[in-house]
Amino acid sequence: MTTGTAGQSKAGRWTAPPPAALLSWQQRQERFTRSNLCLEELALAIRNGGWSILPVPDVPNPMALDIADWAAKVLASQESLRLEQARTYSFGANATGMAVAAAAGSPPKEKITASRLPSPSGLIVFADPIGHHAETVTAADGRRLELHTPIVAASWSLWGSEQMQHLGPGHPIAWFCHEEDGLARLPDTMRGIWVTFYSARPCDLPDLPDDAPVGLADGQPVTAAMARRHNALLSRRYNDVWGPMHWHDEALLPIGENFDKELQPGTPYEWANVLYTAWQMMQQQSGAAQLVEIKNHNLLPPAARKKAKAKAKQSGLGPTVGDGVVRVVDLTASQRPAQADAERDAAASDGRRKVEWKFRWKVPPYRRMTCTNPRLHHELNDGDLKYHAHREDLVPEATKGPKDKPLRKKGGTTYTFETTV
């Protein structure tokens, strides 16, 4: 849902919230999703064609109707529930760099599976952008402005068409997606993982120059200073519901399909490639293939959380979201790159595009399919091996072996995700 603001490619570092503040961000974002402000933004984006997955009434020729307000309510109510149930993750700078590097080197080889999710619903905030949306616009005076919107967070949940029939009897929903040759209706039997991608607001890009244009309003450039003043005004006026992030776009990952087609840069499925890679990394927490360590920040003990939940219910502000724990994810000490290399990447990153990683990993980490039970290769016949499971690991450059025996092809090939509808 492309509703976010954008900025120039000058320095404009994204400032991620500290783990201690992340649960508050999640609570504010959930409240914002239930507000009229969010509904107006979503409806405007839908009318302008800025959507990837769209619910419509299941009636003949639904696209002939003005369904923007209706669709916005459906999307917002689903996102509110997603954020309410989401576990909370803070993804560190080096882990973010490795996820982006591995996704650039190759897509996941395995079919998309729900077992890769660290939790059925989640919200993850990255220390650096995992991608960006690029757009060139023309101002009323003829100036051409190149805008870049950094993608810094994502929410997810399991998705099935029957789960989305939440409006009650007499309100069936049809779901559509954009295809190269037009619109396509998603089949009712489809199962997948819903992902919402969030972009940063200008107030969280402190290094972005005040005069940098971040969008257009009636043909006139909107500067970062103007956007910050507007954000501060809305934050004061709607203190209880103003969200810290901008719903930018969405993607649906069909379970059982592959990331196997050339990616279009700056699209939700390019960012989904990085997100899925991050999920894979989060499962490598032990053994020789360990990449990350996850530390839990328990912000609310059970008794305090129960009290807060009751207070929230009495106040009418809505449910208490999350589970009171922020999971901080970063690379293990053995996998962390040299600090000087990380700093060189940070200096090369402009904060508006996906994070740089080439100083930390001269060659992108590659993907290795590891057998979960090697003996079966010797004891089972070919017909039985189709039921045999493998695990896909990410392997950083330091463990690849001799330099004269590369284990992957050189070169930068990009991939895309092919949706089956």
Protein backbone atom coordinates (compact mmCIF):
# COMPACT_ATOMS: atom_id res chain seq x y z
CA MET A 1 0.00 0.00 0.00
CA THR A 2 2.22 2.81 -1.23
CA THR A 3 1.23 5.60 1.11
CA GLY A 4 4.61 6.51 2.58
CA THR A 5 6.60 9.67 2.18
CA ALA A 6 9.92 9.63 0.35
CA GLY A 7 13.23 11.46 0.32
CA GLN A 8 16.32 12.18 -1.72
CA SER A 9 19.29 9.87 -1.83
CA LYS A 10 21.35 12.27 0.29
CA ALA A 11 22.36 11.27 3.81
CA GLY A 12 19.26 10.56 5.86
CA ARG A 13 20.08 7.82 8.29
CA TRP A 14 17.19 5.76 9.65
CA THR A 15 17.14 5.77 13.44
CA ALA A 16 15.62 2.53 14.67
CA PRO A 17 13.96 2.57 18.10
CA PRO A 18 15.90 0.94 20.95
CA PRO A 19 14.51 -2.42 22.10
CA ALA A 20 13.09 -0.85 25.26
CA ALA A 21 10.89 1.46 23.15
CA LEU A 22 9.85 -1.03 20.48
CA LEU A 23 6.83 -2.46 22.29
CA SER A 24 5.48 1.07 22.72
CA TRP A 25 5.95 1.59 18.97
CA GLN A 26 3.98 -1.56 18.30
CA GLN A 27 1.15 -0.43 20.59
CA ARG A 28 0.98 2.99 18.95
CA GLN A 29 1.04 1.47 15.47
CA GLU A 30 -1.85 -0.86 16.35
CA ARG A 31 -3.92 2.04 17.67
CA PHE A 32 -3.12 4.08 14.58
CA THR A 33 -4.25 1.22 12.36
CA ARG A 34 -7.69 1.40 14.00
CA SER A 35 -7.94 5.19 13.58
CA ASN A 36 -9.73 7.27 10.96
CA LEU A 37 -6.34 8.75 10.01
CA CYS A 38 -5.11 5.35 8.85
CA LEU A 39 -8.38 4.58 7.05
CA GLU A 40 -8.14 7.86 5.13
CA GLU A 41 -4.53 7.15 4.11
CA LEU A 42 -5.34 3.62 2.96
CA ALA A 43 -8.44 4.69 1.04
CA LEU A 44 -6.48 7.45 -0.73
CA ALA A 45 -3.73 5.02 -1.66
CA ILE A 46 -6.27 2.53 -3.05
CA ARG A 47 -7.93 5.24 -5.17
CA ASN A 48 -4.50 6.18 -6.53
CA GLY A 49 -3.71 2.56 -7.44
CA GLY A 50 -1.09 2.19 -4.70
CA TRP A 51 -1.90 -1.35 -3.61
CA SER A 52 -0.55 -4.85 -4.20
CA ILE A 53 -3.24 -7.06 -2.59
CA LEU A 54 -6.82 -5.78 -2.46
CA PRO A 55 -10.04 -7.11 -0.87
CA VAL A 56 -13.26 -6.30 -2.73
CA PRO A 57 -16.91 -7.34 -2.27
CA ASP A 58 -17.51 -10.66 -3.98
CA VAL A 59 -20.12 -9.34 -6.42
CA PRO A 60 -20.22 -9.14 -10.24
CA ASN A 61 -17.77 -6.55 -11.62
CA PRO A 62 -16.52 -5.30 -8.22
CA MET A 63 -13.84 -3.06 -9.74
CA ALA A 64 -16.58 -0.85 -11.18
CA LEU A 65 -17.54 0.13 -7.63
CA ASP A 66 -15.90 2.74 -5.42
CA ILE A 67 -14.69 0.22 -2.88
CA ALA A 68 -11.73 2.20 -1.45
CA ASP A 69 -13.32 2.94 1.93
CA TRP A 70 -14.66 -0.61 2.25
CA ALA A 71 -11.29 -2.18 1.36
CA ALA A 72 -9.43 0.15 3.72
CA LYS A 73 -11.57 -1.04 6.64
CA VAL A 74 -10.92 -4.69 5.79
CA LEU A 75 -7.15 -4.18 5.48
CA ALA A 76 -6.91 -2.05 8.61
CA SER A 77 -8.89 -4.46 10.77
CA GLN A 78 -6.68 -7.35 9.65
CA GLU A 79 -3.50 -5.37 10.31
CA SER A 80 -4.77 -4.35 13.75
CA LEU A 81 -5.30 -8.01 14.67
CA ARG A 82 -1.90 -8.90 13.19
CA LEU A 83 -0.10 -6.31 15.32
CA GLU A 84 -2.09 -7.23 18.42
CA GLN A 85 -1.00 -10.88 18.17
CA ALA A 86 2.52 -10.21 16.89
CA ARG A 87 5.65 -11.15 18.74
CA THR A 88 8.20 -8.35 18.57
CA TYR A 89 11.70 -8.56 17.03
CA SER A 90 14.56 -6.05 16.84
CA PHE A 91 17.03 -7.04 14.09
CA GLY A 92 20.56 -5.72 14.63
CA ALA A 93 22.77 -3.89 12.17
CA ASN A 94 25.16 -6.73 11.28
CA ALA A 95 22.32 -9.25 11.04
CA THR A 96 20.45 -6.88 8.72
CA GLY A 97 23.55 -6.49 6.57
CA MET A 98 23.98 -10.26 6.27
CA ALA A 99 20.31 -10.79 5.36
CA VAL A 100 20.54 -8.18 2.60
CA ALA A 101 23.85 -9.64 1.37
CA ALA A 102 22.60 -13.22 1.28
CA ALA A 103 19.40 -12.20 -0.50
CA ALA A 104 21.46 -10.32 -3.09
CA GLY A 105 23.65 -13.37 -3.67
CA SER A 106 20.81 -15.83 -4.29
CA PRO A 107 17.16 -16.38 -3.35
CA PRO A 108 16.05 -19.11 -0.94
CA LYS A 109 16.24 -22.51 -2.64
CA GLU A 110 13.54 -24.10 -0.54
CA LYS A 111 9.83 -23.74 -1.17
CA ILE A 112 8.13 -21.15 0.98
CA THR A 113 7.01 -22.83 4.18
CA ALA A 114 5.18 -21.64 7.27
CA SER A 115 7.70 -23.54 9.41
CA ARG A 116 10.27 -20.81 8.67
CA LEU A 117 8.24 -18.24 10.60
CA PRO A 118 9.71 -17.48 14.03
CA SER A 119 6.11 -16.98 15.22
CA PRO A 120 2.68 -17.21 13.56
CA SER A 121 2.36 -13.41 13.75
CA GLY A 122 5.20 -10.95 14.17
CA LEU A 123 6.56 -7.44 13.86
CA ILE A 124 10.24 -7.01 13.00
CA VAL A 125 12.09 -3.68 12.93
CA PHE A 126 15.47 -3.58 11.18
CA ALA A 127 18.44 -1.48 12.25
CA ASP A 128 18.97 -0.44 8.61
CA PRO A 129 16.73 -0.36 5.53
CA ILE A 130 16.29 -3.73 3.81
CA GLY A 131 15.23 -2.06 0.56
CA HIS A 132 13.65 1.05 -0.84
CA HIS A 133 10.97 2.26 -3.19
CA ALA A 134 12.29 4.57 -5.91
CA GLU A 135 10.11 7.09 -7.70
CA THR A 136 10.79 10.01 -10.05
CA VAL A 137 8.19 12.77 -9.91
CA THR A 138 7.73 16.08 -11.74
CA ALA A 139 6.90 19.22 -9.76
CA ALA A 140 4.58 21.94 -11.06
CA ASP A 141 7.59 24.05 -12.06
CA GLY A 142 8.98 21.20 -14.20
CA ARG A 143 11.66 20.02 -11.80
CA ARG A 144 12.30 16.26 -11.75
CA LEU A 145 12.78 14.84 -8.28
CA GLU A 146 14.17 11.41 -7.49
CA LEU A 147 12.60 10.07 -4.32
CA HIS A 148 13.64 7.05 -2.25
CA THR A 149 11.55 5.58 0.57
CA PRO A 150 13.43 3.23 2.93
CA ILE A 151 11.71 0.00 4.00
CA VAL A 152 12.58 -0.54 7.66
CA ALA A 153 10.00 -2.89 9.21
CA ALA A 154 7.51 -5.64 8.43
CA SER A 155 4.61 -7.44 10.06
CA TRP A 156 3.35 -10.87 9.07
CA SER A 157 0.77 -13.56 9.78
CA LEU A 158 -0.49 -16.77 8.23
CA TRP A 159 -3.12 -16.15 5.55
CA GLY A 160 -5.92 -18.16 4.02
CA SER A 161 -8.94 -16.88 2.17
CA GLU A 162 -11.31 -18.44 4.70
CA GLN A 163 -9.49 -16.54 7.49
CA MET A 164 -10.31 -13.28 5.78
CA GLN A 165 -14.09 -13.83 5.64
CA HIS A 166 -14.48 -11.85 8.83
CA LEU A 167 -17.33 -9.50 7.94
CA GLY A 168 -20.05 -12.03 8.67
CA PRO A 169 -22.77 -13.63 6.55
CA GLY A 170 -23.71 -11.71 3.46
CA HIS A 171 -20.31 -10.07 3.13
CA PRO A 172 -18.14 -12.43 1.05
CA ILE A 173 -14.71 -11.12 0.05
CA ALA A 174 -12.74 -11.60 -3.15
CA TRP A 175 -8.99 -10.92 -3.12
CA PHE A 176 -7.09 -9.50 -6.10
CA CYS A 177 -3.42 -8.93 -6.85
CA HIS A 178 -1.52 -7.04 -9.53
CA GLU A 179 -0.11 -9.16 -12.37
CA GLU A 180 2.01 -8.08 -15.34
CA ASP A 181 -1.00 -8.39 -17.64
CA GLY A 182 -3.53 -6.82 -15.27
CA LEU A 183 -5.47 -7.94 -12.20
CA ALA A 184 -5.85 -11.53 -11.06
CA ARG A 185 -8.20 -12.98 -8.47
CA LEU A 186 -6.56 -15.13 -5.82
CA PRO A 187 -8.04 -18.63 -5.55
CA ASP A 188 -10.14 -19.41 -2.49
CA THR A 189 -7.90 -22.40 -1.73
CA MET A 190 -4.73 -20.34 -1.55
CA ARG A 191 -2.57 -20.52 1.59
CA GLY A 192 0.22 -18.10 2.25
CA ILE A 193 2.06 -15.66 4.50
CA TRP A 194 0.78 -12.10 4.53
CA VAL A 195 3.47 -9.41 4.91
CA THR A 196 2.97 -5.68 5.46
CA PHE A 197 6.02 -3.49 4.82
CA TYR A 198 6.55 -0.25 6.70
CA SER A 199 8.61 2.82 5.80
CA ALA A 200 10.08 5.45 8.11
CA ARG A 201 8.62 8.85 8.81
CA PRO A 202 10.90 11.89 8.20
CA CYS A 203 11.10 12.57 11.95
CA ASP A 204 13.08 9.32 12.27
CA LEU A 205 15.57 10.39 9.60
CA PRO A 206 17.41 13.07 11.60
CA ASP A 207 20.28 13.47 9.12
CA LEU A 208 17.97 14.20 6.19
CA PRO A 209 18.50 17.89 5.27
CA ASP A 210 15.56 20.16 6.04
CA ASP A 211 15.33 21.32 2.41
CA ALA A 212 15.36 17.79 0.94
CA PRO A 213 12.11 17.09 -0.93
CA VAL A 214 10.23 14.11 0.41
CA GLY A 215 7.15 14.17 -1.83
CA LEU A 216 4.64 16.33 -3.68
CA ALA A 217 1.44 18.05 -2.57
CA ASP A 218 -0.64 19.62 -5.35
CA GLY A 219 2.45 19.66 -7.54
CA GLN A 220 4.60 21.48 -4.99
CA PRO A 221 7.63 19.82 -3.36
CA VAL A 222 7.20 18.88 0.30
CA THR A 223 10.49 19.28 2.17
CA ALA A 224 11.71 17.22 5.10
CA ALA A 225 11.23 20.22 7.40
CA MET A 226 7.60 20.62 6.27
CA ALA A 227 6.95 16.90 6.77
CA ARG A 228 8.49 16.98 10.24
CA ARG A 229 6.33 19.93 11.29
CA HIS A 230 3.23 18.16 9.95
CA ASN A 231 4.20 14.96 11.77
CA ALA A 232 4.76 16.87 15.03
CA LEU A 233 1.36 18.57 14.68
CA LEU A 234 -0.50 15.30 14.14
CA SER A 235 1.48 13.62 16.91
CA ARG A 236 0.39 16.32 19.37
CA ARG A 237 -3.20 16.45 18.14
CA TYR A 238 -3.68 12.68 18.04
CA ASN A 239 -1.24 11.64 20.73
CA ASP A 240 -2.98 8.37 21.58
CA VAL A 241 -3.27 7.05 18.03
CA TRP A 242 -0.51 8.57 15.90
CA GLY A 243 1.60 5.74 14.46
CA PRO A 244 5.39 5.89 14.32
CA MET A 245 5.62 4.12 10.94
CA HIS A 246 3.97 4.36 7.53
CA TRP A 247 2.17 1.39 5.91
CA HIS A 248 3.95 1.32 2.56
CA ASP A 249 3.03 -1.90 0.74
CA GLU A 250 2.05 -5.52 1.17
CA ALA A 251 2.90 -8.95 -0.24
CA LEU A 252 1.44 -12.43 -0.12
CA LEU A 253 3.86 -15.36 -0.18
CA PRO A 254 2.10 -18.54 -1.38
CA ILE A 255 3.10 -21.55 0.70
CA GLY A 256 4.69 -24.25 -1.43
CA GLU A 257 5.97 -21.87 -4.14
CA ASN A 258 9.56 -20.74 -4.81
CA PHE A 259 11.51 -17.53 -5.04
CA ASP A 260 12.61 -18.47 -8.53
CA LYS A 261 12.07 -15.61 -10.95
CA GLU A 262 14.09 -12.46 -11.64
CA LEU A 263 13.26 -9.80 -9.07
CA GLN A 264 12.15 -6.32 -9.99
CA PRO A 265 14.13 -3.94 -7.75
CA GLY A 266 12.14 -1.85 -5.34
CA THR A 267 9.16 -4.22 -5.15
CA PRO A 268 7.53 -5.95 -2.16
CA TYR A 269 8.79 -9.35 -3.32
CA GLU A 270 12.40 -8.13 -3.37
CA TRP A 271 11.97 -7.03 0.25
CA ALA A 272 10.20 -10.32 1.03
CA ASN A 273 13.32 -12.14 -0.19
CA VAL A 274 15.34 -10.34 2.51
CA LEU A 275 12.67 -10.92 5.15
CA TYR A 276 12.47 -14.65 4.42
CA THR A 277 16.27 -14.80 4.62
CA ALA A 278 16.09 -13.13 8.03
CA TRP A 279 13.63 -15.83 9.16
CA GLN A 280 16.07 -18.50 8.00
CA MET A 281 18.89 -16.84 9.92
CA MET A 282 16.78 -16.77 13.08
CA GLN A 283 16.48 -20.54 12.97
CA GLN A 284 20.27 -20.98 12.93
CA GLN A 285 20.77 -20.50 16.67
CA SER A 286 22.84 -23.54 17.59
CA GLY A 287 25.46 -25.97 16.35
CA ALA A 288 28.13 -25.45 13.74
CA ALA A 289 25.72 -23.52 11.50
CA GLN A 290 24.81 -20.96 14.19
CA LEU A 291 24.55 -17.45 12.78
CA VAL A 292 22.56 -15.45 15.30
CA GLU A 293 21.88 -15.11 18.98
CA ILE A 294 18.53 -13.93 20.28
CA LYS A 295 18.25 -12.15 23.62
CA ASN A 296 14.86 -11.56 25.21
CA HIS A 297 14.08 -8.20 26.77
CA ASN A 298 11.18 -8.79 29.17
CA LEU A 299 9.68 -5.34 29.37
CA LEU A 300 6.65 -6.37 31.42
CA PRO A 301 6.52 -9.21 33.96
CA PRO A 302 3.34 -11.33 33.79
CA ALA A 303 1.64 -9.58 36.71
CA ALA A 304 2.32 -6.11 35.31
CA ARG A 305 1.18 -7.19 31.85
CA LYS A 306 -2.12 -8.51 33.27
CA LYS A 307 -2.63 -5.20 35.06
CA ALA A 308 -1.82 -3.21 31.91
CA LYS A 309 -4.23 -5.33 29.88
CA ALA A 310 -7.06 -4.64 32.33
CA LYS A 311 -6.24 -0.93 32.39
CA ALA A 312 -6.21 -0.75 28.58
CA LYS A 313 -9.60 -2.44 28.45
CA GLN A 314 -11.07 0.02 30.96
CA SER A 315 -9.60 3.04 29.15
CA GLY A 316 -11.10 2.03 25.82
CA LEU A 317 -7.76 2.46 24.04
CA GLY A 318 -7.86 -1.12 22.80
CA PRO A 319 -6.02 -4.35 23.56
CA THR A 320 -2.51 -4.74 24.90
CA VAL A 321 -0.43 -5.85 21.96
CA GLY A 322 2.44 -8.32 21.82
CA ASP A 323 3.53 -10.47 24.74
CA GLY A 324 5.66 -7.98 26.67
CA VAL A 325 8.92 -9.34 25.24
CA VAL A 326 11.22 -7.83 22.62
CA ARG A 327 13.54 -10.36 20.98
CA VAL A 328 16.84 -8.73 20.00
CA VAL A 329 18.53 -10.58 17.11
CA ASP A 330 22.11 -10.11 15.92
CA LEU A 331 25.05 -12.15 14.68
CA THR A 332 27.00 -14.30 17.09
CA ALA A 333 30.43 -13.07 18.15
CA SER A 334 32.12 -15.60 15.84
CA GLN A 335 30.19 -14.36 12.80
CA ARG A 336 30.45 -10.62 13.39
CA PRO A 337 32.59 -8.75 10.87
CA ALA A 338 35.40 -6.45 11.88
CA GLN A 339 34.12 -3.22 13.42
CA ALA A 340 36.11 -1.18 10.89
CA ASP A 341 34.37 -2.97 8.00
CA ALA A 342 30.96 -2.42 9.57
CA GLU A 343 31.75 1.28 9.98
CA ARG A 344 32.86 1.54 6.34
CA ASP A 345 29.55 0.03 5.26
CA ALA A 346 27.68 2.45 7.51
CA ALA A 347 29.56 5.38 5.99
CA ALA A 348 28.77 4.16 2.45
CA SER A 349 25.06 3.70 3.22
CA ASP A 350 22.86 6.73 2.66
CA GLY A 351 20.01 5.51 4.84
CA ARG A 352 17.49 5.84 2.02
CA ARG A 353 18.35 2.69 0.04
CA LYS A 354 19.05 -0.80 1.33
CA VAL A 355 22.07 -1.00 3.59
CA GLU A 356 25.56 -1.49 2.14
CA TRP A 357 27.34 -4.73 3.02
CA LYS A 358 30.29 -5.17 0.62
CA PHE A 359 33.03 -4.27 3.07
CA ARG A 360 31.76 -6.78 5.63
CA TRP A 361 31.26 -9.62 3.10
CA LYS A 362 33.37 -9.38 -0.04
CA VAL A 363 31.30 -12.26 -1.43
CA PRO A 364 27.65 -12.65 -0.36
CA PRO A 365 26.95 -15.46 2.12
CA TYR A 366 25.71 -18.44 0.15
CA ARG A 367 22.94 -20.96 0.74
CA ARG A 368 23.66 -24.62 1.44
CA MET A 369 21.12 -27.44 1.50
CA THR A 370 21.97 -29.65 4.48
CA CYS A 371 20.56 -33.13 4.88
CA THR A 372 18.71 -33.59 8.17
CA ASN A 373 19.28 -37.37 8.15
CA PRO A 374 22.16 -38.40 5.81
CA ARG A 375 21.76 -42.13 6.39
CA LEU A 376 18.50 -42.08 4.43
CA HIS A 377 20.46 -41.36 1.26
CA HIS A 378 21.99 -44.81 1.63
CA GLU A 379 19.06 -46.74 3.06
CA LEU A 380 16.09 -45.45 1.04
CA ASN A 381 15.35 -46.07 -2.60
CA ASP A 382 14.73 -43.24 -5.05
CA GLY A 383 10.97 -43.43 -4.63
CA ASP A 384 11.18 -42.92 -0.87
CA LEU A 385 13.65 -40.04 -1.02
CA LYS A 386 10.95 -37.63 -2.19
CA TYR A 387 9.74 -37.60 1.41
CA HIS A 388 13.21 -36.83 2.67
CA ALA A 389 13.72 -33.42 4.33
CA HIS A 390 16.64 -31.03 3.90
CA ARG A 391 17.46 -27.81 5.72
CA GLU A 392 18.74 -24.69 4.03
CA ASP A 393 21.56 -22.96 5.89
CA LEU A 394 23.26 -19.66 5.24
CA VAL A 395 27.05 -19.86 5.22
CA PRO A 396 29.16 -16.67 5.55
CA GLU A 397 32.31 -16.16 3.53
CA ALA A 398 34.66 -16.94 6.41
CA THR A 399 33.59 -20.61 6.45
CA LYS A 400 33.58 -21.24 2.71
CA GLY A 401 36.96 -22.92 2.52
CA PRO A 402 39.96 -22.25 0.24
CA LYS A 403 39.70 -19.16 -1.93
CA ASP A 404 40.80 -21.11 -5.02
CA LYS A 405 37.73 -23.36 -4.71
CA PRO A 406 34.70 -21.08 -4.71
CA LEU A 407 31.48 -22.81 -3.73
CA ARG A 408 29.17 -20.54 -5.67
CA LYS A 409 29.14 -18.74 -8.98
CA LYS A 410 30.49 -15.22 -9.02
CA GLY A 411 28.46 -12.30 -10.25
CA GLY A 412 25.34 -10.50 -9.18
CA THR A 413 22.19 -12.23 -10.34
CA THR A 414 18.86 -11.01 -9.08
CA TYR A 415 15.79 -13.16 -8.68
CA THR A 416 12.12 -12.61 -8.25
CA PHE A 417 9.27 -14.36 -6.63
CA GLU A 418 6.65 -15.90 -8.87
CA THR A 419 3.09 -15.79 -7.60
CA THR A 420 0.78 -18.58 -8.68
CA VAL A 421 -2.84 -17.51 -8.94
